[in-house]
Amino acid sequence: MTNLNLPIAVSGTLDTNMPGSYTMTYRTTNALGAVAAATRTVVVADRIPPVLKLPGANPLMLELGHPFMDPGATAADQCGGDLTGNILTTNTVNPNQAGVYTNTFTVTDDSGNAATMNRLVLVVTRPVLTGLEHLGDGAFRFAFISTPGARFNVLSTTSLSLPTSEWSVLGPVTDSPPGQFQFTDMNATNQPLHFYRFRSP
């Protein structure tokens, strides 16, 4: 076989950003005017699922008895663009029953690629103090109960006239064992009077 190095003309349209089947035609002519042609089928396939995003907290905490509206989700696909309107949502939250709930968000693009994300929602009871203790080293410890799995930050101030935004954040407190919370303020004796508040993250 002799390699003639003849120029080849290529015709057909190929869009690598749009799934589908494309036909490309290759044609060449030799010095005697003989024409040769061949075709190739190119399949552009979308194998990448959409990208789901959940704005807002996850896990999200809700006080028992308060109305609930999930912040929702957004979805974007490399080929299909904005698919937010195609998201299917399963909302399991009962705001009148303390516990841990899972809201599920699912979206599928035109090629059948699916993406799923979950948001945990903790419906929690108000903290109830169960213990206050001055420690020997001058620290102050308190304990409280709430819904297992709840998360809180402890805030402190020496003046109730200050807005909450100006209270000091002492740190997070989680339950151990489940439903029983304990926090120790190591610097409590540095001020003559302290006020504390629990806030969900």
N, C-alpha and C. Protein backbone atom coordinates (compact mmCIF):
# COMPACT_ATOMS: atom_id res chain seq x y z
N MET A 1 0.84 -1.19 0.00
CA MET A 1 0.00 0.00 0.00
C MET A 1 0.88 1.24 0.00
N THR A 2 0.54 2.18 -0.86
CA THR A 2 1.30 3.42 -0.98
C THR A 2 0.57 4.55 -0.30
N ASN A 3 1.29 5.30 0.50
CA ASN A 3 0.72 6.46 1.16
C ASN A 3 0.84 7.65 0.23
N LEU A 4 -0.31 8.13 -0.29
CA LEU A 4 -0.29 9.21 -1.28
C LEU A 4 -0.29 10.59 -0.64
N ASN A 5 -0.59 10.66 0.63
CA ASN A 5 -0.63 11.95 1.31
C ASN A 5 -1.55 12.95 0.62
N LEU A 6 -2.72 12.46 0.22
CA LEU A 6 -3.67 13.33 -0.46
C LEU A 6 -4.44 14.19 0.55
N PRO A 7 -4.81 15.40 0.14
CA PRO A 7 -5.62 16.23 1.04
C PRO A 7 -7.00 15.61 1.25
N ILE A 8 -7.49 15.68 2.46
CA ILE A 8 -8.78 15.11 2.81
C ILE A 8 -9.72 16.23 3.25
N ALA A 9 -10.90 16.24 2.67
CA ALA A 9 -11.92 17.21 3.06
C ALA A 9 -12.87 16.55 4.05
N VAL A 10 -13.12 17.25 5.14
CA VAL A 10 -14.00 16.71 6.19
C VAL A 10 -15.27 17.57 6.23
N SER A 11 -16.42 16.90 6.22
CA SER A 11 -17.68 17.62 6.32
C SER A 11 -18.54 16.99 7.42
N GLY A 12 -19.46 17.76 7.89
CA GLY A 12 -20.30 17.31 8.99
C GLY A 12 -20.13 18.23 10.19
N THR A 13 -21.07 18.20 11.08
CA THR A 13 -21.05 19.06 12.26
C THR A 13 -20.94 18.21 13.51
N LEU A 14 -20.01 18.58 14.38
CA LEU A 14 -19.80 17.87 15.64
C LEU A 14 -19.79 18.87 16.77
N ASP A 15 -20.73 18.72 17.71
CA ASP A 15 -20.80 19.59 18.88
C ASP A 15 -20.49 18.75 20.12
N THR A 16 -19.30 18.92 20.63
CA THR A 16 -18.87 18.11 21.78
C THR A 16 -19.57 18.51 23.07
N ASN A 17 -20.34 19.61 23.05
CA ASN A 17 -21.06 20.05 24.24
C ASN A 17 -22.53 19.66 24.21
N MET A 18 -22.95 18.95 23.17
CA MET A 18 -24.34 18.56 23.03
C MET A 18 -24.43 17.06 22.75
N PRO A 19 -24.99 16.28 23.69
CA PRO A 19 -25.11 14.84 23.47
C PRO A 19 -25.91 14.54 22.20
N GLY A 20 -25.48 13.50 21.48
CA GLY A 20 -26.17 13.09 20.27
C GLY A 20 -25.27 12.28 19.38
N SER A 21 -25.80 11.87 18.21
CA SER A 21 -25.05 11.08 17.24
C SER A 21 -24.75 11.96 16.03
N TYR A 22 -23.50 12.03 15.63
CA TYR A 22 -23.07 12.91 14.55
C TYR A 22 -22.38 12.07 13.46
N THR A 23 -22.57 12.45 12.22
CA THR A 23 -21.92 11.76 11.09
C THR A 23 -20.90 12.69 10.46
N MET A 24 -19.67 12.22 10.39
CA MET A 24 -18.58 12.96 9.76
C MET A 24 -18.21 12.25 8.47
N THR A 25 -18.05 13.00 7.38
CA THR A 25 -17.70 12.44 6.07
C THR A 25 -16.30 12.90 5.67
N TYR A 26 -15.50 11.95 5.20
CA TYR A 26 -14.12 12.22 4.79
C TYR A 26 -14.02 11.91 3.29
N ARG A 27 -13.51 12.86 2.48
CA ARG A 27 -13.48 12.70 1.03
C ARG A 27 -12.14 13.18 0.50
N THR A 28 -11.62 12.41 -0.49
CA THR A 28 -10.35 12.79 -1.12
C THR A 28 -10.39 12.42 -2.59
N THR A 29 -9.59 13.10 -3.36
CA THR A 29 -9.53 12.87 -4.82
C THR A 29 -8.07 12.74 -5.23
N ASN A 30 -7.74 11.68 -6.05
CA ASN A 30 -6.36 11.51 -6.49
C ASN A 30 -6.11 12.28 -7.79
N ALA A 31 -4.90 12.15 -8.31
CA ALA A 31 -4.50 12.91 -9.50
C ALA A 31 -5.30 12.51 -10.74
N LEU A 32 -5.88 11.33 -10.78
CA LEU A 32 -6.66 10.86 -11.92
C LEU A 32 -8.13 11.24 -11.79
N GLY A 33 -8.50 11.90 -10.69
CA GLY A 33 -9.88 12.30 -10.50
C GLY A 33 -10.74 11.28 -9.79
N ALA A 34 -10.13 10.17 -9.36
CA ALA A 34 -10.89 9.16 -8.64
C ALA A 34 -11.20 9.68 -7.23
N VAL A 35 -12.42 9.49 -6.80
CA VAL A 35 -12.88 9.99 -5.51
C VAL A 35 -13.09 8.84 -4.53
N ALA A 36 -12.61 9.03 -3.32
CA ALA A 36 -12.84 8.05 -2.24
C ALA A 36 -13.50 8.78 -1.08
N ALA A 37 -14.43 8.10 -0.46
CA ALA A 37 -15.15 8.73 0.67
C ALA A 37 -15.38 7.70 1.76
N ALA A 38 -15.45 8.16 2.97
CA ALA A 38 -15.74 7.31 4.13
C ALA A 38 -16.50 8.14 5.15
N THR A 39 -17.28 7.46 5.94
CA THR A 39 -18.04 8.16 6.99
C THR A 39 -17.72 7.56 8.35
N ARG A 40 -17.85 8.37 9.35
CA ARG A 40 -17.67 7.92 10.74
C ARG A 40 -18.81 8.49 11.58
N THR A 41 -19.38 7.65 12.42
CA THR A 41 -20.41 8.09 13.36
C THR A 41 -19.76 8.37 14.71
N VAL A 42 -19.96 9.58 15.20
CA VAL A 42 -19.40 9.99 16.49
C VAL A 42 -20.56 10.19 17.47
N VAL A 43 -20.51 9.48 18.57
CA VAL A 43 -21.54 9.60 19.59
C VAL A 43 -20.99 10.41 20.76
N VAL A 44 -21.62 11.55 21.01
CA VAL A 44 -21.27 12.38 22.17
C VAL A 44 -22.23 12.01 23.30
N ALA A 45 -21.68 11.42 24.34
CA ALA A 45 -22.51 10.93 25.46
C ALA A 45 -22.23 11.74 26.72
N ASP A 46 -23.30 12.06 27.43
CA ASP A 46 -23.19 12.77 28.71
C ASP A 46 -23.17 11.74 29.83
N ARG A 47 -22.04 11.63 30.51
CA ARG A 47 -21.90 10.70 31.62
C ARG A 47 -21.75 11.41 32.96
N ILE A 48 -21.87 12.72 32.95
CA ILE A 48 -21.62 13.49 34.17
C ILE A 48 -22.95 13.92 34.79
N PRO A 49 -23.20 13.56 36.05
CA PRO A 49 -24.47 13.95 36.69
C PRO A 49 -24.51 15.44 37.00
N PRO A 50 -25.70 15.97 37.20
CA PRO A 50 -25.81 17.38 37.60
C PRO A 50 -25.16 17.62 38.96
N VAL A 51 -24.91 18.88 39.24
CA VAL A 51 -24.32 19.27 40.52
C VAL A 51 -25.42 19.89 41.38
N LEU A 52 -25.70 19.26 42.52
CA LEU A 52 -26.69 19.77 43.47
C LEU A 52 -25.98 20.55 44.57
N LYS A 53 -26.61 21.66 44.98
CA LYS A 53 -26.10 22.44 46.11
C LYS A 53 -27.26 22.73 47.06
N LEU A 54 -26.96 22.65 48.36
CA LEU A 54 -27.97 22.93 49.38
C LEU A 54 -27.59 24.21 50.12
N PRO A 55 -28.25 25.34 49.82
CA PRO A 55 -27.98 26.55 50.59
C PRO A 55 -28.51 26.39 52.01
N GLY A 56 -27.95 27.14 52.93
CA GLY A 56 -28.39 27.04 54.31
C GLY A 56 -27.62 25.98 55.07
N ALA A 57 -27.97 25.82 56.32
CA ALA A 57 -27.25 24.90 57.21
C ALA A 57 -27.59 23.45 56.90
N ASN A 58 -26.62 22.60 57.13
CA ASN A 58 -26.83 21.15 57.01
C ASN A 58 -25.81 20.45 57.92
N PRO A 59 -26.27 19.93 59.06
CA PRO A 59 -27.64 19.81 59.55
C PRO A 59 -28.26 21.18 59.89
N LEU A 60 -29.57 21.22 59.87
CA LEU A 60 -30.33 22.42 60.20
C LEU A 60 -31.13 22.14 61.47
N MET A 61 -31.09 23.09 62.40
CA MET A 61 -31.83 22.91 63.65
C MET A 61 -33.08 23.77 63.67
N LEU A 62 -34.16 23.21 64.19
CA LEU A 62 -35.44 23.89 64.27
C LEU A 62 -36.02 23.67 65.65
N GLU A 63 -36.46 24.75 66.28
CA GLU A 63 -37.06 24.59 67.61
C GLU A 63 -38.45 23.97 67.48
N LEU A 64 -38.73 23.05 68.36
CA LEU A 64 -40.00 22.34 68.36
C LEU A 64 -41.17 23.31 68.32
N GLY A 65 -42.12 23.04 67.42
CA GLY A 65 -43.33 23.84 67.33
C GLY A 65 -43.24 25.03 66.40
N HIS A 66 -42.06 25.33 65.88
CA HIS A 66 -41.91 26.46 64.97
C HIS A 66 -42.18 26.01 63.52
N PRO A 67 -42.74 26.87 62.69
CA PRO A 67 -42.97 26.50 61.29
C PRO A 67 -41.65 26.19 60.59
N PHE A 68 -41.70 25.30 59.62
CA PHE A 68 -40.47 24.92 58.92
C PHE A 68 -40.63 25.11 57.42
N MET A 69 -39.60 25.72 56.82
CA MET A 69 -39.51 25.80 55.37
C MET A 69 -38.06 25.52 54.99
N ASP A 70 -37.85 24.45 54.26
CA ASP A 70 -36.48 24.10 53.87
C ASP A 70 -35.92 25.16 52.93
N PRO A 71 -34.62 25.51 53.09
CA PRO A 71 -34.01 26.50 52.19
C PRO A 71 -33.96 26.05 50.74
N GLY A 72 -34.22 24.76 50.49
CA GLY A 72 -34.27 24.27 49.11
C GLY A 72 -32.91 23.89 48.57
N ALA A 73 -32.84 23.76 47.24
CA ALA A 73 -31.62 23.33 46.58
C ALA A 73 -31.53 23.96 45.19
N THR A 74 -30.34 23.95 44.63
CA THR A 74 -30.12 24.38 43.25
C THR A 74 -29.42 23.26 42.51
N ALA A 75 -29.61 23.21 41.19
CA ALA A 75 -28.98 22.18 40.39
C ALA A 75 -28.50 22.76 39.07
N ALA A 76 -27.29 22.40 38.68
CA ALA A 76 -26.73 22.85 37.41
C ALA A 76 -26.12 21.64 36.70
N ASP A 77 -26.28 21.61 35.37
CA ASP A 77 -25.78 20.49 34.58
C ASP A 77 -24.88 21.01 33.46
N GLN A 78 -23.81 20.29 33.19
CA GLN A 78 -22.86 20.73 32.19
C GLN A 78 -23.50 20.87 30.82
N CYS A 79 -24.45 20.00 30.51
CA CYS A 79 -25.11 20.05 29.21
C CYS A 79 -26.48 20.73 29.27
N GLY A 80 -27.21 20.46 30.34
CA GLY A 80 -28.58 20.95 30.44
C GLY A 80 -28.73 22.30 31.09
N GLY A 81 -27.63 22.86 31.64
CA GLY A 81 -27.71 24.17 32.26
C GLY A 81 -28.41 24.12 33.62
N ASP A 82 -29.23 25.12 33.89
CA ASP A 82 -29.92 25.23 35.18
C ASP A 82 -31.08 24.23 35.24
N LEU A 83 -30.97 23.27 36.17
CA LEU A 83 -32.01 22.25 36.35
C LEU A 83 -32.72 22.40 37.68
N THR A 84 -32.61 23.58 38.29
CA THR A 84 -33.22 23.77 39.60
C THR A 84 -34.71 23.46 39.58
N GLY A 85 -35.37 23.84 38.50
CA GLY A 85 -36.81 23.60 38.40
C GLY A 85 -37.18 22.14 38.27
N ASN A 86 -36.20 21.26 38.03
CA ASN A 86 -36.47 19.83 37.87
C ASN A 86 -36.22 19.02 39.14
N ILE A 87 -35.83 19.70 40.21
CA ILE A 87 -35.49 18.98 41.44
C ILE A 87 -36.75 18.41 42.08
N LEU A 88 -36.66 17.15 42.46
CA LEU A 88 -37.72 16.50 43.21
C LEU A 88 -37.32 16.48 44.69
N THR A 89 -38.25 16.90 45.55
CA THR A 89 -37.94 17.04 46.97
C THR A 89 -38.85 16.16 47.81
N THR A 90 -38.25 15.46 48.76
CA THR A 90 -39.01 14.70 49.76
C THR A 90 -38.80 15.37 51.11
N ASN A 91 -39.86 15.98 51.65
CA ASN A 91 -39.78 16.68 52.93
C ASN A 91 -40.43 15.82 54.00
N THR A 92 -39.64 15.38 54.96
CA THR A 92 -40.14 14.48 56.01
C THR A 92 -40.33 15.15 57.35
N VAL A 93 -40.07 16.46 57.43
CA VAL A 93 -40.01 17.14 58.73
C VAL A 93 -41.40 17.33 59.34
N ASN A 94 -41.53 16.92 60.60
CA ASN A 94 -42.71 17.22 61.41
C ASN A 94 -42.25 18.20 62.49
N PRO A 95 -42.54 19.50 62.34
CA PRO A 95 -42.02 20.49 63.31
C PRO A 95 -42.62 20.35 64.69
N ASN A 96 -43.63 19.52 64.83
CA ASN A 96 -44.27 19.34 66.15
C ASN A 96 -43.82 18.05 66.84
N GLN A 97 -42.82 17.39 66.27
CA GLN A 97 -42.31 16.15 66.86
C GLN A 97 -40.79 16.21 66.88
N ALA A 98 -40.19 16.25 68.07
CA ALA A 98 -38.74 16.31 68.17
C ALA A 98 -38.11 15.07 67.56
N GLY A 99 -36.97 15.27 66.91
CA GLY A 99 -36.26 14.14 66.30
C GLY A 99 -35.40 14.59 65.14
N VAL A 100 -34.78 13.62 64.48
CA VAL A 100 -33.90 13.89 63.35
C VAL A 100 -34.61 13.46 62.07
N TYR A 101 -34.69 14.35 61.11
CA TYR A 101 -35.38 14.10 59.85
C TYR A 101 -34.42 14.26 58.68
N THR A 102 -34.73 13.59 57.58
CA THR A 102 -33.92 13.68 56.37
C THR A 102 -34.77 14.16 55.21
N ASN A 103 -34.40 15.31 54.65
CA ASN A 103 -35.03 15.80 53.43
C ASN A 103 -34.14 15.44 52.25
N THR A 104 -34.72 14.86 51.21
CA THR A 104 -33.96 14.36 50.07
C THR A 104 -34.25 15.19 48.83
N PHE A 105 -33.19 15.53 48.11
CA PHE A 105 -33.30 16.29 46.86
C PHE A 105 -32.68 15.47 45.74
N THR A 106 -33.42 15.28 44.65
CA THR A 106 -32.95 14.47 43.53
C THR A 106 -33.22 15.20 42.22
N VAL A 107 -32.26 15.15 41.32
CA VAL A 107 -32.44 15.75 39.99
C VAL A 107 -31.80 14.84 38.96
N THR A 108 -32.42 14.74 37.78
CA THR A 108 -31.94 13.89 36.69
C THR A 108 -31.85 14.71 35.41
N ASP A 109 -30.74 14.59 34.69
CA ASP A 109 -30.62 15.34 33.43
C ASP A 109 -31.23 14.54 32.28
N ASP A 110 -31.19 15.10 31.08
CA ASP A 110 -31.84 14.48 29.92
C ASP A 110 -31.17 13.17 29.51
N SER A 111 -29.95 12.94 29.97
CA SER A 111 -29.24 11.70 29.63
C SER A 111 -29.43 10.62 30.70
N GLY A 112 -30.22 10.92 31.71
CA GLY A 112 -30.51 9.93 32.74
C GLY A 112 -29.52 9.92 33.88
N ASN A 113 -28.59 10.87 33.92
CA ASN A 113 -27.66 10.97 35.03
C ASN A 113 -28.34 11.65 36.22
N ALA A 114 -28.29 11.01 37.38
CA ALA A 114 -29.01 11.52 38.54
C ALA A 114 -28.04 11.93 39.65
N ALA A 115 -28.46 12.92 40.43
CA ALA A 115 -27.71 13.36 41.61
C ALA A 115 -28.68 13.48 42.77
N THR A 116 -28.22 13.09 43.95
CA THR A 116 -29.05 13.13 45.15
C THR A 116 -28.26 13.71 46.31
N MET A 117 -28.91 14.56 47.10
CA MET A 117 -28.31 15.07 48.33
C MET A 117 -29.36 15.08 49.43
N ASN A 118 -28.89 14.95 50.66
CA ASN A 118 -29.79 14.95 51.82
C ASN A 118 -29.46 16.12 52.75
N ARG A 119 -30.52 16.66 53.35
CA ARG A 119 -30.33 17.63 54.42
C ARG A 119 -30.93 17.04 55.70
N LEU A 120 -30.13 17.04 56.77
CA LEU A 120 -30.63 16.60 58.07
C LEU A 120 -31.27 17.79 58.78
N VAL A 121 -32.44 17.58 59.31
CA VAL A 121 -33.14 18.61 60.06
C VAL A 121 -33.40 18.07 61.46
N LEU A 122 -32.88 18.76 62.46
CA LEU A 122 -33.07 18.36 63.85
C LEU A 122 -34.13 19.25 64.48
N VAL A 123 -35.27 18.66 64.79
CA VAL A 123 -36.31 19.38 65.52
C VAL A 123 -36.03 19.16 67.01
N VAL A 124 -35.71 20.25 67.71
CA VAL A 124 -35.19 20.11 69.07
C VAL A 124 -36.07 20.84 70.07
N THR A 125 -36.08 20.31 71.28
CA THR A 125 -36.76 20.98 72.39
C THR A 125 -35.85 22.05 72.97
N ARG A 126 -36.43 23.00 73.66
CA ARG A 126 -35.62 24.02 74.32
C ARG A 126 -34.75 23.37 75.39
N PRO A 127 -33.50 23.83 75.53
CA PRO A 127 -32.64 23.27 76.58
C PRO A 127 -33.24 23.49 77.97
N VAL A 128 -33.09 22.49 78.82
CA VAL A 128 -33.56 22.56 80.20
C VAL A 128 -32.37 22.32 81.13
N LEU A 129 -32.07 23.31 81.95
CA LEU A 129 -30.94 23.19 82.86
C LEU A 129 -31.16 22.07 83.86
N THR A 130 -30.11 21.28 84.09
CA THR A 130 -30.19 20.18 85.05
C THR A 130 -29.11 20.28 86.12
N GLY A 131 -28.14 21.18 85.93
CA GLY A 131 -27.08 21.26 86.94
C GLY A 131 -26.25 22.51 86.79
N LEU A 132 -25.87 23.13 87.94
CA LEU A 132 -24.98 24.28 87.99
C LEU A 132 -23.93 24.00 89.05
N GLU A 133 -22.64 24.24 88.71
CA GLU A 133 -21.60 23.85 89.65
C GLU A 133 -20.40 24.79 89.54
N HIS A 134 -19.96 25.33 90.69
CA HIS A 134 -18.71 26.08 90.77
C HIS A 134 -17.59 25.07 91.04
N LEU A 135 -16.59 25.07 90.19
CA LEU A 135 -15.48 24.14 90.36
C LEU A 135 -14.40 24.75 91.23
N GLY A 136 -13.54 23.88 91.74
CA GLY A 136 -12.50 24.33 92.66
C GLY A 136 -11.51 25.28 92.04
N ASP A 137 -11.31 25.21 90.72
CA ASP A 137 -10.34 26.08 90.07
C ASP A 137 -10.96 27.40 89.63
N GLY A 138 -12.18 27.68 90.08
CA GLY A 138 -12.84 28.94 89.75
C GLY A 138 -13.68 28.88 88.50
N ALA A 139 -13.67 27.76 87.81
CA ALA A 139 -14.48 27.62 86.61
C ALA A 139 -15.94 27.34 86.99
N PHE A 140 -16.81 27.48 86.01
CA PHE A 140 -18.23 27.28 86.24
C PHE A 140 -18.75 26.28 85.22
N ARG A 141 -19.44 25.27 85.71
CA ARG A 141 -19.94 24.22 84.82
C ARG A 141 -21.45 24.15 84.93
N PHE A 142 -22.10 23.98 83.80
CA PHE A 142 -23.55 23.77 83.81
C PHE A 142 -23.90 22.64 82.86
N ALA A 143 -25.03 22.01 83.14
CA ALA A 143 -25.50 20.90 82.32
C ALA A 143 -26.95 21.15 81.96
N PHE A 144 -27.34 20.63 80.80
CA PHE A 144 -28.73 20.76 80.38
C PHE A 144 -29.10 19.58 79.49
N ILE A 145 -30.38 19.39 79.28
CA ILE A 145 -30.85 18.33 78.40
C ILE A 145 -31.59 18.95 77.23
N SER A 146 -31.55 18.25 76.11
CA SER A 146 -32.29 18.66 74.91
C SER A 146 -32.37 17.43 74.01
N THR A 147 -32.81 17.62 72.80
CA THR A 147 -32.99 16.52 71.85
C THR A 147 -31.64 15.92 71.48
N PRO A 148 -31.49 14.59 71.51
CA PRO A 148 -30.23 13.96 71.09
C PRO A 148 -29.81 14.40 69.69
N GLY A 149 -28.52 14.72 69.56
CA GLY A 149 -28.00 15.15 68.27
C GLY A 149 -28.02 16.64 68.05
N ALA A 150 -28.70 17.38 68.93
CA ALA A 150 -28.76 18.84 68.78
C ALA A 150 -27.37 19.44 68.95
N ARG A 151 -27.17 20.60 68.33
CA ARG A 151 -25.89 21.29 68.44
C ARG A 151 -26.13 22.72 68.91
N PHE A 152 -25.30 23.15 69.83
CA PHE A 152 -25.46 24.49 70.39
C PHE A 152 -24.10 25.17 70.51
N ASN A 153 -24.13 26.50 70.42
CA ASN A 153 -23.01 27.32 70.84
C ASN A 153 -23.39 28.00 72.15
N VAL A 154 -22.40 28.18 73.01
CA VAL A 154 -22.63 28.86 74.28
C VAL A 154 -22.14 30.30 74.15
N LEU A 155 -23.02 31.25 74.46
CA LEU A 155 -22.69 32.67 74.44
C LEU A 155 -22.68 33.21 75.87
N SER A 156 -21.88 34.25 76.09
CA SER A 156 -21.77 34.80 77.43
C SER A 156 -21.64 36.32 77.37
N THR A 157 -22.13 36.97 78.40
CA THR A 157 -21.98 38.42 78.52
C THR A 157 -22.04 38.79 80.00
N THR A 158 -21.56 39.98 80.31
CA THR A 158 -21.68 40.50 81.67
C THR A 158 -22.77 41.56 81.76
N SER A 159 -23.44 41.84 80.63
CA SER A 159 -24.49 42.86 80.62
C SER A 159 -25.64 42.41 79.73
N LEU A 160 -26.81 42.26 80.32
CA LEU A 160 -27.99 41.85 79.56
C LEU A 160 -28.49 42.95 78.62
N SER A 161 -27.98 44.14 78.77
CA SER A 161 -28.40 45.24 77.89
C SER A 161 -27.77 45.14 76.50
N LEU A 162 -26.73 44.31 76.36
CA LEU A 162 -26.06 44.16 75.07
C LEU A 162 -26.89 43.28 74.15
N PRO A 163 -26.95 43.61 72.85
CA PRO A 163 -27.64 42.72 71.90
C PRO A 163 -26.88 41.41 71.77
N THR A 164 -27.58 40.38 71.38
CA THR A 164 -26.96 39.05 71.27
C THR A 164 -25.74 39.06 70.36
N SER A 165 -25.77 39.90 69.33
CA SER A 165 -24.64 39.96 68.39
C SER A 165 -23.35 40.39 69.06
N GLU A 166 -23.44 41.00 70.24
CA GLU A 166 -22.25 41.45 70.94
C GLU A 166 -21.86 40.55 72.10
N TRP A 167 -22.59 39.44 72.29
CA TRP A 167 -22.20 38.48 73.31
C TRP A 167 -20.97 37.70 72.82
N SER A 168 -20.17 37.24 73.75
CA SER A 168 -18.99 36.44 73.41
C SER A 168 -19.39 34.99 73.17
N VAL A 169 -18.85 34.41 72.11
CA VAL A 169 -19.10 33.00 71.82
C VAL A 169 -18.01 32.19 72.52
N LEU A 170 -18.41 31.39 73.50
CA LEU A 170 -17.45 30.61 74.28
C LEU A 170 -17.05 29.32 73.58
N GLY A 171 -17.95 28.81 72.74
CA GLY A 171 -17.61 27.59 72.03
C GLY A 171 -18.81 26.68 71.84
N PRO A 172 -18.63 25.61 71.10
CA PRO A 172 -19.73 24.68 70.85
C PRO A 172 -19.89 23.68 71.99
N VAL A 173 -21.07 23.13 72.10
CA VAL A 173 -21.32 22.06 73.06
C VAL A 173 -22.19 21.02 72.38
N THR A 174 -21.79 19.76 72.49
CA THR A 174 -22.55 18.66 71.94
C THR A 174 -22.88 17.67 73.05
N ASP A 175 -23.77 16.75 72.72
CA ASP A 175 -24.25 15.84 73.76
C ASP A 175 -23.39 14.60 73.91
N SER A 176 -23.21 14.20 75.13
CA SER A 176 -22.53 12.95 75.46
C SER A 176 -22.81 12.63 76.92
N PRO A 177 -23.64 11.59 77.18
CA PRO A 177 -24.35 10.73 76.23
C PRO A 177 -25.46 11.49 75.51
N PRO A 178 -26.10 10.84 74.52
CA PRO A 178 -27.12 11.54 73.71
C PRO A 178 -28.19 12.21 74.56
N GLY A 179 -28.44 13.49 74.26
CA GLY A 179 -29.48 14.24 74.94
C GLY A 179 -29.02 14.94 76.19
N GLN A 180 -27.79 14.68 76.65
CA GLN A 180 -27.27 15.31 77.87
C GLN A 180 -26.05 16.15 77.50
N PHE A 181 -26.13 17.43 77.82
CA PHE A 181 -25.11 18.39 77.42
C PHE A 181 -24.42 18.96 78.65
N GLN A 182 -23.13 19.27 78.48
CA GLN A 182 -22.35 19.84 79.59
C GLN A 182 -21.32 20.80 79.03
N PHE A 183 -21.17 21.94 79.70
CA PHE A 183 -20.20 22.93 79.25
C PHE A 183 -19.53 23.56 80.47
N THR A 184 -18.22 23.80 80.35
CA THR A 184 -17.47 24.41 81.44
C THR A 184 -16.84 25.72 80.96
N ASP A 185 -17.14 26.81 81.65
CA ASP A 185 -16.53 28.10 81.38
C ASP A 185 -15.32 28.25 82.30
N MET A 186 -14.13 28.12 81.72
CA MET A 186 -12.91 28.13 82.53
C MET A 186 -12.57 29.53 83.06
N ASN A 187 -13.18 30.58 82.48
CA ASN A 187 -12.84 31.94 82.88
C ASN A 187 -14.00 32.65 83.59
N ALA A 188 -14.89 31.89 84.16
CA ALA A 188 -16.08 32.48 84.77
C ALA A 188 -15.75 33.44 85.90
N THR A 189 -14.68 33.18 86.66
CA THR A 189 -14.38 34.01 87.83
C THR A 189 -13.65 35.30 87.46
N ASN A 190 -13.35 35.48 86.17
CA ASN A 190 -12.70 36.71 85.75
C ASN A 190 -13.65 37.90 85.78
N GLN A 191 -14.96 37.63 85.84
CA GLN A 191 -15.96 38.69 85.88
C GLN A 191 -16.89 38.43 87.08
N PRO A 192 -17.37 39.48 87.72
CA PRO A 192 -18.22 39.28 88.90
C PRO A 192 -19.59 38.71 88.56
N LEU A 193 -20.05 38.89 87.32
CA LEU A 193 -21.39 38.43 86.95
C LEU A 193 -21.39 37.97 85.50
N HIS A 194 -21.96 36.81 85.29
CA HIS A 194 -22.00 36.25 83.94
C HIS A 194 -23.41 35.83 83.60
N PHE A 195 -23.79 36.05 82.34
CA PHE A 195 -25.05 35.56 81.80
C PHE A 195 -24.71 34.65 80.62
N TYR A 196 -25.47 33.57 80.49
CA TYR A 196 -25.21 32.60 79.42
C TYR A 196 -26.46 32.42 78.57
N ARG A 197 -26.19 32.03 77.33
CA ARG A 197 -27.29 31.74 76.40
C ARG A 197 -26.83 30.63 75.47
N PHE A 198 -27.78 29.73 75.12
CA PHE A 198 -27.49 28.67 74.16
C PHE A 198 -28.08 29.09 72.81
N ARG A 199 -27.32 28.89 71.76
CA ARG A 199 -27.79 29.23 70.42
C ARG A 199 -27.45 28.10 69.46
N SER A 200 -28.41 27.74 68.63
CA SER A 200 -28.12 26.71 67.63
C SER A 200 -27.19 27.29 66.59
N PRO A 201 -26.23 26.49 66.11
CA PRO A 201 -25.23 27.01 65.16
C PRO A 201 -25.89 27.57 63.91
